[in-house]
Each structure stands twice: as structure tokens, then as C-alpha cells.
Amino acid sequence: MAEKKLNTVRINAGEWRSRLIKFPDAEGLRPTPERVRQTLFNWLGQDLTGLTCLDLFAGTGVMGFEALSRGAAAVTLVEKSMPAYKALLENKRLLKAEQALILHQDALQFLSANTLKFNLIFLDPPYHQQWLVKLLPVLAGHLQNAGLVYVEAEYALESTPELTGDWQVLKQSKTGHVFYHLLKSLHV
């Protein structure tokens, strides 16, 4: 039986610029498009030196590894899918990304047990499963002062004020079918 070829996505900048990371085919697994990542890191100022980050639905891991490539001190990548989790471990090994903590866990289980606070949380949950309704109310408690949350969704958050009541939308844009936002908690 032939080995199944893995998909790849390229890290844009930093220490691992142009390095490819591999990921399996999995339902709902979609890497954040390169153009979207470029815009996000422009919003963040490119350099993440010293920041601690959480990639809550890590998937391909490109957001977390990109953050490490740009100087983040530590990134926790949480992924429930076993094939994606195994690919994350392999990418960590290949990149020698010692600052990456990779956990095979459900997002809500992780948050219920987590006591760490992060400077930046990447949130790109599976679409059409109401994850933002479950997560946005509790994420502020996992942020350090002036911490930010990056959110990808199948809709603009401004169209759902019930979700953003505790959040200030600092930046937002759309590329193709991807709406993406940078949020700041009104309570941190």
C-alpha cells in the first residue's frame, strides 16, 4: 500500500521562513491562507518576541509555528484530531521547536483545566459548529493584560453583537470565504 502524501503549508517569515510544514487530510482542516496570515502579522507588528501564544484549534499548526518563527517565547498548540496531532509532533521535531507544547485535547477541556494566561490566542475552530458561542465568553480569563484574540469564522463578527459584547473588534477583514478578526477583551 502506497504511503499517503501529506499536504504542505509554508511559514511566511522569521527563523523558519519558507519552511514547509506537513499536515494530513482531515475533515474541516484548512490552513489559514498565506495572505490572511500576512495581514494578521502586519496587524501584530511582525515581531512576537517574548509573547506566549495559544493555538486552540491548531490543525496544521501554521499559526503557532509562524508565531514561534517570529520570536514568540512559547506556544501551546491544542488539537483534538489524532492524525493532525501526530503531524504537529512531527513538525515540532523537524523544526526543533522546543518552545512548542503540543496537546492532544478538546478545546473546552483544555480551557477548563488551563491556568496559564497568554498574550495572544489564535482561534480558528471548525465552521458551523457554534464554537465561538462556547469560547468567546471564557477566553478573556485566559489572556494577560492587553492580550489579543485572533478569530477566523465563516461570518463577520460584527454581524453577531451577542458574541462580541465583551470584545472590541480592533481589526477585521475578509479574504474569499474567510472572515478574520483581531479582538481585545473589554474586561482585561
C-alpha atoms as a PDB file:
ATOM      1  CA  MET A   1       0.000   0.000   0.000  1.00  0.00           C
ATOM      2  CA  ALA A   2       1.432   3.374  -1.012  1.00  0.00           C
ATOM      3  CA  GLU A   3       2.011   5.925   1.727  1.00  0.00           C
ATOM      4  CA  LYS A   4      -0.478   8.757   1.590  1.00  0.00           C
ATOM      5  CA  LYS A   5       1.084  12.071   0.564  1.00  0.00           C
ATOM      6  CA  LEU A   6       0.722  14.839   3.133  1.00  0.00           C
ATOM      7  CA  ASN A   7      -0.348  18.407   2.311  1.00  0.00           C
ATOM      8  CA  THR A   8       2.034  21.269   2.973  1.00  0.00           C
ATOM      9  CA  VAL A   9       1.823  24.908   4.026  1.00  0.00           C
ATOM     10  CA  ARG A  10       4.707  27.408   4.078  1.00  0.00           C
ATOM     11  CA  ILE A  11       5.816  29.534   7.040  1.00  0.00           C
ATOM     12  CA  ASN A  12       5.962  33.157   5.847  1.00  0.00           C
ATOM     13  CA  ALA A  13       8.646  34.855   7.924  1.00  0.00           C
ATOM     14  CA  GLY A  14      11.135  34.683  10.756  1.00  0.00           C
ATOM     15  CA  GLU A  15      13.597  31.961  11.716  1.00  0.00           C
ATOM     16  CA  TRP A  16      11.774  29.270   9.705  1.00  0.00           C
ATOM     17  CA  ARG A  17      10.833  31.466   6.739  1.00  0.00           C
ATOM     18  CA  SER A  18       9.918  29.386   3.659  1.00  0.00           C
ATOM     19  CA  ARG A  19       9.988  26.098   5.605  1.00  0.00           C
ATOM     20  CA  LEU A  20       7.151  23.752   4.746  1.00  0.00           C
ATOM     21  CA  ILE A  21       5.126  22.013   7.402  1.00  0.00           C
ATOM     22  CA  LYS A  22       3.113  18.921   6.551  1.00  0.00           C
ATOM     23  CA  PHE A  23      -0.410  18.018   7.541  1.00  0.00           C
ATOM     24  CA  PRO A  24      -2.879  15.222   6.749  1.00  0.00           C
ATOM     25  CA  ASP A  25      -6.229  15.408   5.033  1.00  0.00           C
ATOM     26  CA  ALA A  26      -8.859  15.695   7.738  1.00  0.00           C
ATOM     27  CA  GLU A  27     -12.437  16.865   7.755  1.00  0.00           C
ATOM     28  CA  GLY A  28     -12.636  20.598   8.450  1.00  0.00           C
ATOM     29  CA  LEU A  29      -8.849  21.019   8.470  1.00  0.00           C
ATOM     30  CA  ARG A  30      -7.985  24.099   6.449  1.00  0.00           C
ATOM     31  CA  PRO A  31      -4.776  26.055   6.840  1.00  0.00           C
ATOM     32  CA  THR A  32      -5.128  29.793   7.275  1.00  0.00           C
ATOM     33  CA  PRO A  33      -4.396  31.235   3.810  1.00  0.00           C
ATOM     34  CA  GLU A  34      -0.972  32.847   3.368  1.00  0.00           C
ATOM     35  CA  ARG A  35      -2.479  36.238   2.539  1.00  0.00           C
ATOM     36  CA  VAL A  36      -4.560  36.163   5.731  1.00  0.00           C
ATOM     37  CA  ARG A  37      -1.511  35.256   7.831  1.00  0.00           C
ATOM     38  CA  GLN A  38       0.480  38.088   6.246  1.00  0.00           C
ATOM     39  CA  THR A  39      -2.279  40.555   7.114  1.00  0.00           C
ATOM     40  CA  LEU A  40      -2.586  39.259  10.681  1.00  0.00           C
ATOM     41  CA  PHE A  41       1.140  39.527  11.364  1.00  0.00           C
ATOM     42  CA  ASN A  42       1.158  43.014   9.846  1.00  0.00           C
ATOM     43  CA  TRP A  43      -1.590  43.904  12.341  1.00  0.00           C
ATOM     44  CA  LEU A  44       0.525  42.440  15.149  1.00  0.00           C
ATOM     45  CA  GLY A  45       3.695  44.259  14.087  1.00  0.00           C
ATOM     46  CA  GLN A  46       5.583  41.218  12.690  1.00  0.00           C
ATOM     47  CA  ASP A  47       7.767  40.615  15.771  1.00  0.00           C
ATOM     48  CA  LEU A  48       6.276  38.458  18.527  1.00  0.00           C
ATOM     49  CA  THR A  49       9.429  38.349  20.667  1.00  0.00           C
ATOM     50  CA  GLY A  50       8.691  37.228  24.197  1.00  0.00           C
ATOM     51  CA  LEU A  51       4.970  36.611  23.708  1.00  0.00           C
ATOM     52  CA  THR A  52       3.172  33.493  24.893  1.00  0.00           C
ATOM     53  CA  CYS A  53       0.580  32.183  22.477  1.00  0.00           C
ATOM     54  CA  LEU A  54      -2.203  29.632  22.400  1.00  0.00           C
ATOM     55  CA  ASP A  55      -3.281  27.988  19.135  1.00  0.00           C
ATOM     56  CA  LEU A  56      -6.542  26.494  20.370  1.00  0.00           C
ATOM     57  CA  PHE A  57      -7.602  24.554  17.263  1.00  0.00           C
ATOM     58  CA  ALA A  58      -4.066  24.059  15.975  1.00  0.00           C
ATOM     59  CA  GLY A  59      -4.931  21.931  12.935  1.00  0.00           C
ATOM     60  CA  THR A  60      -1.946  22.354  10.632  1.00  0.00           C
ATOM     61  CA  GLY A  61      -0.068  24.273  13.328  1.00  0.00           C
ATOM     62  CA  VAL A  62       0.878  27.009  10.886  1.00  0.00           C
ATOM     63  CA  MET A  63      -0.277  29.833  13.177  1.00  0.00           C
ATOM     64  CA  GLY A  64       1.624  28.510  16.186  1.00  0.00           C
ATOM     65  CA  PHE A  65       4.786  27.661  14.253  1.00  0.00           C
ATOM     66  CA  GLU A  66       4.635  31.035  12.477  1.00  0.00           C
ATOM     67  CA  ALA A  67       4.425  32.745  15.888  1.00  0.00           C
ATOM     68  CA  LEU A  68       7.476  30.800  17.104  1.00  0.00           C
ATOM     69  CA  SER A  69       9.318  31.611  13.889  1.00  0.00           C
ATOM     70  CA  ARG A  70       8.663  35.296  14.630  1.00  0.00           C
ATOM     71  CA  GLY A  71      10.102  35.132  18.155  1.00  0.00           C
ATOM     72  CA  ALA A  72       7.268  34.015  20.442  1.00  0.00           C
ATOM     73  CA  ALA A  73       8.670  32.682  23.713  1.00  0.00           C
ATOM     74  CA  ALA A  74       6.240  29.771  23.882  1.00  0.00           C
ATOM     75  CA  VAL A  75       3.234  28.435  22.006  1.00  0.00           C
ATOM     76  CA  THR A  76       0.708  25.883  23.246  1.00  0.00           C
ATOM     77  CA  LEU A  77      -0.950  24.047  20.345  1.00  0.00           C
ATOM     78  CA  VAL A  78      -4.163  22.186  21.192  1.00  0.00           C
ATOM     79  CA  GLU A  79      -5.549  19.685  18.681  1.00  0.00           C
ATOM     80  CA  LYS A  80      -8.239  17.017  19.094  1.00  0.00           C
ATOM     81  CA  SER A  81      -7.749  15.123  15.791  1.00  0.00           C
ATOM     82  CA  MET A  82      -5.220  12.319  16.239  1.00  0.00           C
ATOM     83  CA  PRO A  83      -3.803  12.483  12.654  1.00  0.00           C
ATOM     84  CA  ALA A  84      -3.351  16.264  12.926  1.00  0.00           C
ATOM     85  CA  TYR A  85      -1.847  15.905  16.415  1.00  0.00           C
ATOM     86  CA  LYS A  86       0.703  13.366  15.145  1.00  0.00           C
ATOM     87  CA  ALA A  87       1.623  15.702  12.256  1.00  0.00           C
ATOM     88  CA  LEU A  88       2.112  18.552  14.744  1.00  0.00           C
ATOM     89  CA  LEU A  89       4.509  16.407  16.783  1.00  0.00           C
ATOM     90  CA  GLU A  90       6.474  15.536  13.647  1.00  0.00           C
ATOM     91  CA  ASN A  91       6.654  19.192  12.561  1.00  0.00           C
ATOM     92  CA  LYS A  92       7.837  20.159  16.052  1.00  0.00           C
ATOM     93  CA  ARG A  93      10.611  17.569  15.748  1.00  0.00           C
ATOM     94  CA  LEU A  94      11.639  18.659  12.243  1.00  0.00           C
ATOM     95  CA  LEU A  95      11.733  22.355  13.180  1.00  0.00           C
ATOM     96  CA  LYS A  96      13.353  21.629  16.555  1.00  0.00           C
ATOM     97  CA  ALA A  97      10.598  23.803  18.037  1.00  0.00           C
ATOM     98  CA  GLU A  98      11.322  23.167  21.708  1.00  0.00           C
ATOM     99  CA  GLN A  99       9.143  26.138  22.730  1.00  0.00           C
ATOM    100  CA  ALA A 100       6.050  24.378  21.325  1.00  0.00           C
ATOM    101  CA  LEU A 101       3.835  22.456  23.742  1.00  0.00           C
ATOM    102  CA  ILE A 102       1.535  20.205  21.723  1.00  0.00           C
ATOM    103  CA  LEU A 103      -1.516  18.725  23.431  1.00  0.00           C
ATOM    104  CA  HIS A 104      -3.997  16.135  22.147  1.00  0.00           C
ATOM    105  CA  GLN A 105      -7.093  17.533  23.789  1.00  0.00           C
ATOM    106  CA  ASP A 106     -10.528  19.054  23.242  1.00  0.00           C
ATOM    107  CA  ALA A 107     -10.520  22.878  23.328  1.00  0.00           C
ATOM    108  CA  LEU A 108     -13.108  23.197  26.102  1.00  0.00           C
ATOM    109  CA  GLN A 109     -11.382  20.544  28.237  1.00  0.00           C
ATOM    110  CA  PHE A 110      -8.095  22.398  27.822  1.00  0.00           C
ATOM    111  CA  LEU A 111      -9.629  25.731  28.825  1.00  0.00           C
ATOM    112  CA  SER A 112     -11.396  24.242  31.863  1.00  0.00           C
ATOM    113  CA  ALA A 113      -8.058  22.967  33.229  1.00  0.00           C
ATOM    114  CA  ASN A 114      -5.738  25.739  31.983  1.00  0.00           C
ATOM    115  CA  THR A 115      -4.325  28.228  34.476  1.00  0.00           C
ATOM    116  CA  LEU A 116      -1.846  29.961  32.139  1.00  0.00           C
ATOM    117  CA  LYS A 117      -2.529  33.381  30.655  1.00  0.00           C
ATOM    118  CA  PHE A 118      -1.499  34.168  27.089  1.00  0.00           C
ATOM    119  CA  ASN A 119      -0.571  37.332  25.198  1.00  0.00           C
ATOM    120  CA  LEU A 120      -2.178  36.064  22.012  1.00  0.00           C
ATOM    121  CA  ILE A 121      -4.766  33.384  21.295  1.00  0.00           C
ATOM    122  CA  PHE A 122      -5.334  32.026  17.789  1.00  0.00           C
ATOM    123  CA  LEU A 123      -8.894  30.783  17.384  1.00  0.00           C
ATOM    124  CA  ASP A 124      -9.824  29.071  14.107  1.00  0.00           C
ATOM    125  CA  PRO A 125     -12.437  26.488  15.084  1.00  0.00           C
ATOM    126  CA  PRO A 126     -14.343  24.219  12.692  1.00  0.00           C
ATOM    127  CA  TYR A 127     -17.082  26.145  10.929  1.00  0.00           C
ATOM    128  CA  HIS A 128     -20.831  25.666  11.519  1.00  0.00           C
ATOM    129  CA  GLN A 129     -20.413  24.109  14.978  1.00  0.00           C
ATOM    130  CA  GLN A 130     -21.127  27.161  17.179  1.00  0.00           C
ATOM    131  CA  TRP A 131     -17.664  27.126  18.768  1.00  0.00           C
ATOM    132  CA  LEU A 132     -17.451  30.908  19.115  1.00  0.00           C
ATOM    133  CA  VAL A 133     -20.624  30.946  21.217  1.00  0.00           C
ATOM    134  CA  LYS A 134     -18.960  28.478  23.603  1.00  0.00           C
ATOM    135  CA  LEU A 135     -15.462  30.001  23.610  1.00  0.00           C
ATOM    136  CA  LEU A 136     -15.634  33.791  23.426  1.00  0.00           C
ATOM    137  CA  PRO A 137     -17.360  34.130  26.829  1.00  0.00           C
ATOM    138  CA  VAL A 138     -14.481  32.312  28.584  1.00  0.00           C
ATOM    139  CA  LEU A 139     -11.389  33.371  26.610  1.00  0.00           C
ATOM    140  CA  ALA A 140     -10.822  36.698  28.407  1.00  0.00           C
ATOM    141  CA  GLY A 141      -9.935  34.716  31.531  1.00  0.00           C
ATOM    142  CA  HIS A 142      -7.026  33.157  29.643  1.00  0.00           C
ATOM    143  CA  LEU A 143      -5.493  36.439  28.460  1.00  0.00           C
ATOM    144  CA  GLN A 144      -2.755  38.526  30.028  1.00  0.00           C
ATOM    145  CA  ASN A 145      -3.303  42.290  30.277  1.00  0.00           C
ATOM    146  CA  ALA A 146      -3.541  43.781  26.777  1.00  0.00           C
ATOM    147  CA  GLY A 147      -3.820  40.253  25.350  1.00  0.00           C
ATOM    148  CA  LEU A 148      -5.409  39.741  21.944  1.00  0.00           C
ATOM    149  CA  VAL A 149      -7.516  37.068  20.278  1.00  0.00           C
ATOM    150  CA  TYR A 150      -7.344  36.334  16.574  1.00  0.00           C
ATOM    151  CA  VAL A 151     -10.592  34.773  15.290  1.00  0.00           C
ATOM    152  CA  GLU A 152     -11.393  33.176  11.947  1.00  0.00           C
ATOM    153  CA  ALA A 153     -15.026  32.479  11.158  1.00  0.00           C
ATOM    154  CA  GLU A 154     -17.427  31.823   8.320  1.00  0.00           C
ATOM    155  CA  TYR A 155     -19.123  35.158   9.077  1.00  0.00           C
ATOM    156  CA  ALA A 156     -18.216  38.696  10.191  1.00  0.00           C
ATOM    157  CA  LEU A 157     -18.332  39.003  13.977  1.00  0.00           C
ATOM    158  CA  GLU A 158     -19.822  42.477  13.686  1.00  0.00           C
ATOM    159  CA  SER A 159     -22.955  40.753  12.386  1.00  0.00           C
ATOM    160  CA  THR A 160     -23.302  38.924  15.718  1.00  0.00           C
ATOM    161  CA  PRO A 161     -23.272  41.539  18.514  1.00  0.00           C
ATOM    162  CA  GLU A 162     -24.336  38.870  21.025  1.00  0.00           C
ATOM    163  CA  LEU A 163     -20.882  37.313  20.543  1.00  0.00           C
ATOM    164  CA  THR A 164     -18.841  40.492  20.656  1.00  0.00           C
ATOM    165  CA  GLY A 165     -20.496  42.225  23.621  1.00  0.00           C
ATOM    166  CA  ASP A 166     -17.398  41.709  25.807  1.00  0.00           C
ATOM    167  CA  TRP A 167     -14.933  42.263  22.957  1.00  0.00           C
ATOM    168  CA  GLN A 168     -13.644  45.199  20.964  1.00  0.00           C
ATOM    169  CA  VAL A 169     -13.030  44.342  17.306  1.00  0.00           C
ATOM    170  CA  LEU A 170      -9.700  46.094  16.633  1.00  0.00           C
ATOM    171  CA  LYS A 171      -9.246  44.914  13.051  1.00  0.00           C
ATOM    172  CA  GLN A 172     -11.207  42.790  10.633  1.00  0.00           C
ATOM    173  CA  SER A 173     -11.063  41.736   7.024  1.00  0.00           C
ATOM    174  CA  LYS A 174     -12.262  39.093   4.581  1.00  0.00           C
ATOM    175  CA  THR A 175     -10.448  37.008   2.004  1.00  0.00           C
ATOM    176  CA  GLY A 176     -12.569  34.635  -0.063  1.00  0.00           C
ATOM    177  CA  HIS A 177     -14.917  32.916   2.381  1.00  0.00           C
ATOM    178  CA  VAL A 178     -12.693  33.610   5.404  1.00  0.00           C
ATOM    179  CA  PHE A 179     -13.645  36.406   7.795  1.00  0.00           C
ATOM    180  CA  TYR A 180     -10.862  37.218  10.230  1.00  0.00           C
ATOM    181  CA  HIS A 181     -10.724  39.497  13.226  1.00  0.00           C
ATOM    182  CA  LEU A 182      -8.399  40.792  15.922  1.00  0.00           C
ATOM    183  CA  LEU A 183     -10.174  41.207  19.254  1.00  0.00           C
ATOM    184  CA  LYS A 184      -9.354  42.797  22.589  1.00  0.00           C
ATOM    185  CA  SER A 185     -11.341  41.965  25.710  1.00  0.00           C
ATOM    186  CA  LEU A 186     -13.172  44.850  27.324  1.00  0.00           C
ATOM    187  CA  HIS A 187     -12.525  43.203  30.726  1.00  0.00           C
ATOM    188  CA  VAL A 188      -8.777  42.527  30.749  1.00  0.00           C
END
